Amino acid sequence: MASRRALKAVLIDLSGTLHIEDAAVPGAQEALARLRQASVAVKFVTNTTKECKRTLHERLLRLKFDIEEQEIFTSLTAARNLLVQKAVRPLLLVEDSALEDFAGIETSDPNAVVIGLAPDHFNYQMLNKAFRLILDGAPLIAIHKARFYKRKDGLALGPGPFVTGLEYATDTQAAVVGKPEKTFFLEALRDLNCSPEEAVMIGDDARDDVGGAQNTGMLGILVKTGKYRAGDEGKINPPPHGTCDSFPEAVDHILQHLLEPK
């Protein structure tokens, strides 16, 4: 565990860290309230692509989390920003519930492929359409490449295997916009007026949450909830700054060991 530092911000993953679908991690709401009493900024960073930011925020409010919609930074937002920057028309392989975050983006006659988590659209016909577009020169944009995630009925495939399949078939590399990309973390920190060295990330994904944050210069705390599997902390180098049983324990560690006394 590292010594105290001038900590200005805490970035917090959502799915698997604060909640799993419509069930909160026990004690997470109270732990968030304790963290908010400290002199640090809090932001919620998520690769969730199953639903738009508004719907995600409503879910968190139903679970009694004290979170403002503008405090949530999603990989959908990052993907939209990239589409605008590149001025392309995407084939959107995302769930219908996520389309709201792409309102106003032209999608007719697509010349780019965007993939998120889209179980209802991951069929041969749709993936083959994406395959042909990429062969014709369309860029492949992955909202993220998570291998799997946690649902209430168990672990489930993420978009990563489907992205990797298209990369393999077309001999191309996807541009990834979500965690663990350094640009995603830097963009999340941008309006908090702090450097990566002044921030810590809490998440259940050793590679995407903790590894990505630490490669950006932040500290990373891995929680043993959500998609965590025994031994995950040994799969990244450097290893996590800390590994905690749950979000409440991670908050206690920050308050007791990382924040300078007032």
Protein backbone atom coordinates (compact mmCIF):
# COMPACT_ATOMS: atom_id res chain seq x y z
CA MET A 1 0.00 0.00 0.00
CA ALA A 2 1.35 3.43 -0.92
CA SER A 3 1.76 6.29 1.49
CA ARG A 4 -0.54 9.26 1.78
CA ARG A 5 -0.60 11.58 -1.21
CA ALA A 6 -2.33 14.77 -2.26
CA LEU A 7 -5.45 12.96 -3.42
CA LYS A 8 -7.94 15.14 -5.29
CA ALA A 9 -10.27 12.71 -7.05
CA VAL A 10 -11.73 9.22 -6.83
CA LEU A 11 -12.98 7.53 -10.00
CA ILE A 12 -15.50 4.76 -9.37
CA ASP A 13 -16.65 1.97 -11.67
CA LEU A 14 -20.38 1.22 -11.57
CA SER A 15 -21.46 -2.27 -12.69
CA GLY A 16 -19.86 -4.88 -10.46
CA THR A 17 -18.47 -2.27 -8.08
CA LEU A 18 -21.49 -0.29 -6.84
CA HIS A 19 -24.22 -2.57 -8.18
CA ILE A 20 -24.97 -5.72 -10.17
CA GLU A 21 -27.95 -4.99 -12.40
CA ASP A 22 -30.76 -3.95 -10.00
CA ALA A 23 -29.02 -4.92 -6.75
CA ALA A 24 -26.62 -2.63 -4.91
CA VAL A 25 -23.42 -4.00 -3.41
CA PRO A 26 -24.20 -4.18 0.33
CA GLY A 27 -23.23 -0.96 2.12
CA ALA A 28 -22.24 0.84 -1.09
CA GLN A 29 -24.68 3.76 -0.68
CA GLU A 30 -23.45 4.53 2.84
CA ALA A 31 -19.81 4.18 1.78
CA LEU A 32 -20.34 6.66 -1.06
CA ALA A 33 -21.89 9.10 1.42
CA ARG A 34 -18.80 8.75 3.66
CA LEU A 35 -16.50 9.39 0.71
CA ARG A 36 -18.43 12.51 -0.29
CA GLN A 37 -17.77 13.99 3.16
CA ALA A 38 -14.03 13.98 2.39
CA SER A 39 -12.30 16.74 0.44
CA VAL A 40 -12.11 14.83 -2.86
CA ALA A 41 -13.99 15.02 -6.15
CA VAL A 42 -15.94 11.92 -7.13
CA LYS A 43 -16.68 10.74 -10.67
CA PHE A 44 -18.26 7.55 -11.98
CA VAL A 45 -16.63 5.96 -15.01
CA THR A 46 -18.24 3.06 -16.80
CA ASN A 47 -17.85 0.91 -19.89
CA THR A 48 -21.53 -0.02 -19.67
CA THR A 49 -23.07 0.08 -23.14
CA LYS A 50 -26.33 -1.74 -22.40
CA GLU A 51 -28.21 1.48 -21.70
CA CYS A 52 -27.94 5.21 -22.21
CA LYS A 53 -26.62 7.48 -19.48
CA ARG A 54 -30.09 8.72 -18.54
CA THR A 55 -31.43 5.18 -17.99
CA LEU A 56 -28.30 4.20 -16.07
CA HIS A 57 -28.70 7.25 -13.82
CA GLU A 58 -32.35 6.39 -13.17
CA ARG A 59 -31.32 2.85 -12.18
CA LEU A 60 -28.76 4.24 -9.70
CA LEU A 61 -31.34 6.61 -8.21
CA ARG A 62 -33.75 3.70 -7.70
CA LEU A 63 -30.95 1.96 -5.80
CA LYS A 64 -30.72 5.06 -3.54
CA PHE A 65 -27.31 6.22 -4.73
CA ASP A 66 -26.61 9.94 -4.35
CA ILE A 67 -25.29 10.51 -7.88
CA GLU A 68 -25.84 13.34 -10.37
CA GLU A 69 -26.12 12.45 -14.05
CA GLN A 70 -23.29 14.85 -14.96
CA GLU A 71 -20.98 12.94 -12.60
CA ILE A 72 -21.18 9.87 -14.86
CA PHE A 73 -18.66 9.52 -17.70
CA THR A 74 -19.42 6.62 -20.02
CA SER A 75 -17.63 4.92 -22.88
CA LEU A 76 -20.74 5.73 -24.96
CA THR A 77 -19.93 9.43 -24.49
CA ALA A 78 -16.33 8.81 -25.51
CA ALA A 79 -17.48 6.88 -28.59
CA ARG A 80 -19.88 9.61 -29.63
CA ASN A 81 -17.11 12.22 -29.27
CA LEU A 82 -14.87 10.14 -31.56
CA LEU A 83 -17.61 9.75 -34.18
CA VAL A 84 -18.14 13.51 -34.26
CA GLN A 85 -14.40 14.09 -34.48
CA LYS A 86 -14.01 11.63 -37.38
CA ALA A 87 -17.25 12.76 -39.09
CA VAL A 88 -18.27 9.19 -39.95
CA ARG A 89 -21.63 7.43 -40.25
CA PRO A 90 -21.61 4.38 -38.00
CA LEU A 91 -23.25 0.99 -38.10
CA LEU A 92 -24.15 0.94 -34.40
CA LEU A 93 -23.91 -2.51 -32.84
CA VAL A 94 -25.28 -1.47 -29.46
CA GLU A 95 -28.44 -2.30 -27.57
CA ASP A 96 -31.49 -0.24 -28.56
CA SER A 97 -31.58 1.16 -25.02
CA ALA A 98 -28.18 2.81 -25.64
CA LEU A 99 -29.12 4.55 -28.90
CA GLU A 100 -30.30 7.70 -27.12
CA ASP A 101 -26.66 8.65 -26.46
CA PHE A 102 -26.07 8.70 -30.24
CA ALA A 103 -29.04 10.95 -31.07
CA GLY A 104 -28.26 13.25 -33.98
CA ILE A 105 -25.48 11.05 -35.39
CA GLU A 106 -26.11 10.19 -39.05
CA THR A 107 -26.26 6.41 -39.53
CA SER A 108 -27.59 5.96 -43.07
CA ASP A 109 -25.17 4.41 -45.58
CA PRO A 110 -22.64 3.60 -42.83
CA ASN A 111 -18.90 3.97 -43.38
CA ALA A 112 -17.76 2.96 -39.87
CA VAL A 113 -18.55 0.15 -37.43
CA VAL A 114 -19.13 0.77 -33.72
CA ILE A 115 -19.43 -2.21 -31.36
CA GLY A 116 -20.62 -2.19 -27.78
CA LEU A 117 -22.43 -4.87 -25.83
CA ALA A 118 -25.35 -5.88 -28.05
CA PRO A 119 -26.63 -9.39 -27.28
CA ASP A 120 -29.77 -8.79 -29.33
CA HIS A 121 -27.72 -7.84 -32.41
CA PHE A 122 -24.77 -10.26 -32.21
CA ASN A 123 -26.11 -12.59 -34.89
CA TYR A 124 -24.42 -13.87 -38.04
CA GLN A 125 -26.24 -11.53 -40.41
CA MET A 126 -25.34 -8.36 -38.47
CA LEU A 127 -21.74 -9.40 -37.77
CA ASN A 128 -21.29 -10.29 -41.44
CA LYS A 129 -22.58 -6.85 -42.42
CA ALA A 130 -19.98 -5.31 -40.13
CA PHE A 131 -17.32 -7.64 -41.56
CA ARG A 132 -18.05 -6.50 -45.13
CA LEU A 133 -18.02 -2.81 -44.20
CA ILE A 134 -14.63 -3.18 -42.51
CA LEU A 135 -13.24 -5.04 -45.55
CA ASP A 136 -14.37 -2.07 -47.66
CA GLY A 137 -12.32 0.27 -45.46
CA ALA A 138 -14.70 1.25 -42.65
CA PRO A 139 -12.88 1.84 -39.35
CA LEU A 140 -13.75 -0.54 -36.52
CA ILE A 141 -14.45 1.31 -33.25
CA ALA A 142 -14.82 -0.74 -30.08
CA ILE A 143 -16.59 1.03 -27.23
CA HIS A 144 -14.60 -1.39 -25.11
CA LYS A 145 -13.17 -4.92 -25.32
CA ALA A 146 -14.19 -6.45 -22.00
CA ARG A 147 -13.95 -10.24 -22.10
CA PHE A 148 -16.95 -10.74 -19.82
CA TYR A 149 -19.08 -9.07 -17.15
CA LYS A 150 -21.25 -10.08 -14.21
CA ARG A 151 -25.03 -10.49 -14.46
CA LYS A 152 -27.28 -11.64 -11.66
CA ASP A 153 -27.49 -15.07 -13.31
CA GLY A 154 -23.69 -15.38 -13.62
CA LEU A 155 -20.83 -14.28 -15.87
CA ALA A 156 -21.65 -13.34 -19.46
CA LEU A 157 -19.66 -12.62 -22.62
CA GLY A 158 -18.70 -8.99 -23.15
CA PRO A 159 -18.14 -7.28 -26.52
CA GLY A 160 -14.42 -8.15 -26.55
CA PRO A 161 -14.77 -11.61 -28.12
CA PHE A 162 -16.93 -10.20 -30.93
CA VAL A 163 -14.55 -7.29 -31.57
CA THR A 164 -11.61 -9.68 -31.61
CA GLY A 165 -13.43 -11.97 -34.05
CA LEU A 166 -13.93 -9.09 -36.48
CA GLU A 167 -10.31 -8.00 -36.04
CA TYR A 168 -9.17 -11.53 -36.84
CA ALA A 169 -11.48 -11.90 -39.86
CA THR A 170 -10.54 -8.54 -41.38
CA ASP A 171 -6.88 -8.38 -40.29
CA THR A 172 -7.44 -4.95 -38.71
CA GLN A 173 -7.14 -3.45 -35.25
CA ALA A 174 -10.09 -1.75 -33.57
CA ALA A 175 -9.80 1.72 -32.08
CA VAL A 176 -10.85 1.26 -28.43
CA VAL A 177 -12.42 4.25 -26.67
CA GLY A 178 -13.38 2.98 -23.19
CA LYS A 179 -11.40 1.62 -20.28
CA PRO A 180 -8.50 0.67 -20.17
CA GLU A 181 -7.48 3.31 -22.70
CA LYS A 182 -5.38 6.16 -21.27
CA THR A 183 -7.37 8.74 -23.23
CA PHE A 184 -10.58 7.61 -21.49
CA PHE A 185 -9.15 8.17 -18.01
CA LEU A 186 -7.57 11.50 -18.95
CA GLU A 187 -10.87 12.70 -20.42
CA ALA A 188 -12.69 11.65 -17.23
CA LEU A 189 -10.22 13.66 -15.12
CA ARG A 190 -10.16 16.71 -17.39
CA ASP A 191 -12.92 18.73 -15.72
CA LEU A 192 -11.81 17.72 -12.20
CA ASN A 193 -8.68 19.85 -12.44
CA CYS A 194 -6.34 17.13 -11.24
CA SER A 195 -3.53 15.01 -12.64
CA PRO A 196 -3.59 11.19 -12.73
CA GLU A 197 -1.09 11.15 -9.86
CA GLU A 198 -3.70 12.90 -7.72
CA ALA A 199 -6.44 10.33 -8.40
CA VAL A 200 -7.42 6.77 -7.47
CA MET A 201 -9.66 4.32 -9.35
CA ILE A 202 -11.91 1.70 -7.73
CA GLY A 203 -13.20 -1.17 -9.86
CA ASP A 204 -13.86 -4.91 -10.19
CA ASP A 205 -11.94 -5.42 -13.45
CA ALA A 206 -8.20 -5.91 -12.87
CA ARG A 207 -7.23 -5.12 -16.47
CA ASP A 208 -9.69 -2.47 -17.59
CA ASP A 209 -10.29 -0.60 -14.32
CA VAL A 210 -7.14 -1.02 -12.26
CA GLY A 211 -4.52 -1.77 -14.91
CA GLY A 212 -5.78 1.01 -17.18
CA ALA A 213 -5.85 3.54 -14.35
CA GLN A 214 -2.38 2.62 -13.10
CA ASN A 215 -0.94 2.78 -16.63
CA THR A 216 -2.30 6.33 -16.75
CA GLY A 217 -0.52 7.24 -13.51
CA MET A 218 -3.33 6.77 -11.02
CA LEU A 219 -3.56 4.37 -8.09
CA GLY A 220 -5.92 1.43 -8.58
CA ILE A 221 -7.96 -0.48 -6.00
CA LEU A 222 -9.46 -3.80 -7.07
CA VAL A 223 -12.66 -4.96 -5.38
CA LYS A 224 -13.64 -8.63 -5.06
CA THR A 225 -17.21 -8.15 -6.26
CA GLY A 226 -18.82 -8.26 -9.72
CA LYS A 227 -16.61 -9.97 -12.30
CA TYR A 228 -13.67 -10.45 -9.91
CA ARG A 229 -12.18 -13.95 -9.99
CA ALA A 230 -9.67 -15.36 -7.52
CA GLY A 231 -6.14 -14.47 -8.64
CA ASP A 232 -7.12 -11.49 -10.82
CA GLU A 233 -4.79 -9.22 -8.85
CA GLY A 234 -1.84 -11.25 -10.15
CA LYS A 235 -2.80 -10.75 -13.80
CA ILE A 236 -1.59 -7.16 -14.11
CA ASN A 237 1.84 -5.57 -13.67
CA PRO A 238 2.27 -3.56 -11.59
CA PRO A 239 -0.24 -5.27 -9.29
CA PRO A 240 -3.10 -3.22 -7.80
CA HIS A 241 -2.21 -0.63 -5.20
CA GLY A 242 -4.71 -2.48 -3.04
CA THR A 243 -7.27 -5.29 -3.19
CA CYS A 244 -10.40 -4.97 -1.04
CA ASP A 245 -13.37 -7.24 -0.44
CA SER A 246 -15.88 -4.59 -1.57
CA PHE A 247 -16.46 -0.90 -2.33
CA PRO A 248 -17.13 0.02 1.33
CA GLU A 249 -13.75 -1.47 2.33
CA ALA A 250 -12.05 0.42 -0.51
CA VAL A 251 -13.58 3.68 0.70
CA ASP A 252 -12.39 2.97 4.25
CA HIS A 253 -8.87 2.35 2.93
CA ILE A 254 -8.87 5.67 1.07
CA LEU A 255 -10.17 7.60 4.07
CA GLN A 256 -7.73 5.97 6.49
CA HIS A 257 -4.58 5.63 4.41
CA LEU A 258 -4.59 7.83 1.30
CA LEU A 259 -6.09 11.14 2.34
CA GLU A 260 -3.90 13.63 4.14
CA PRO A 261 -5.32 14.66 7.51
CA LYS A 262 -7.25 17.93 7.39
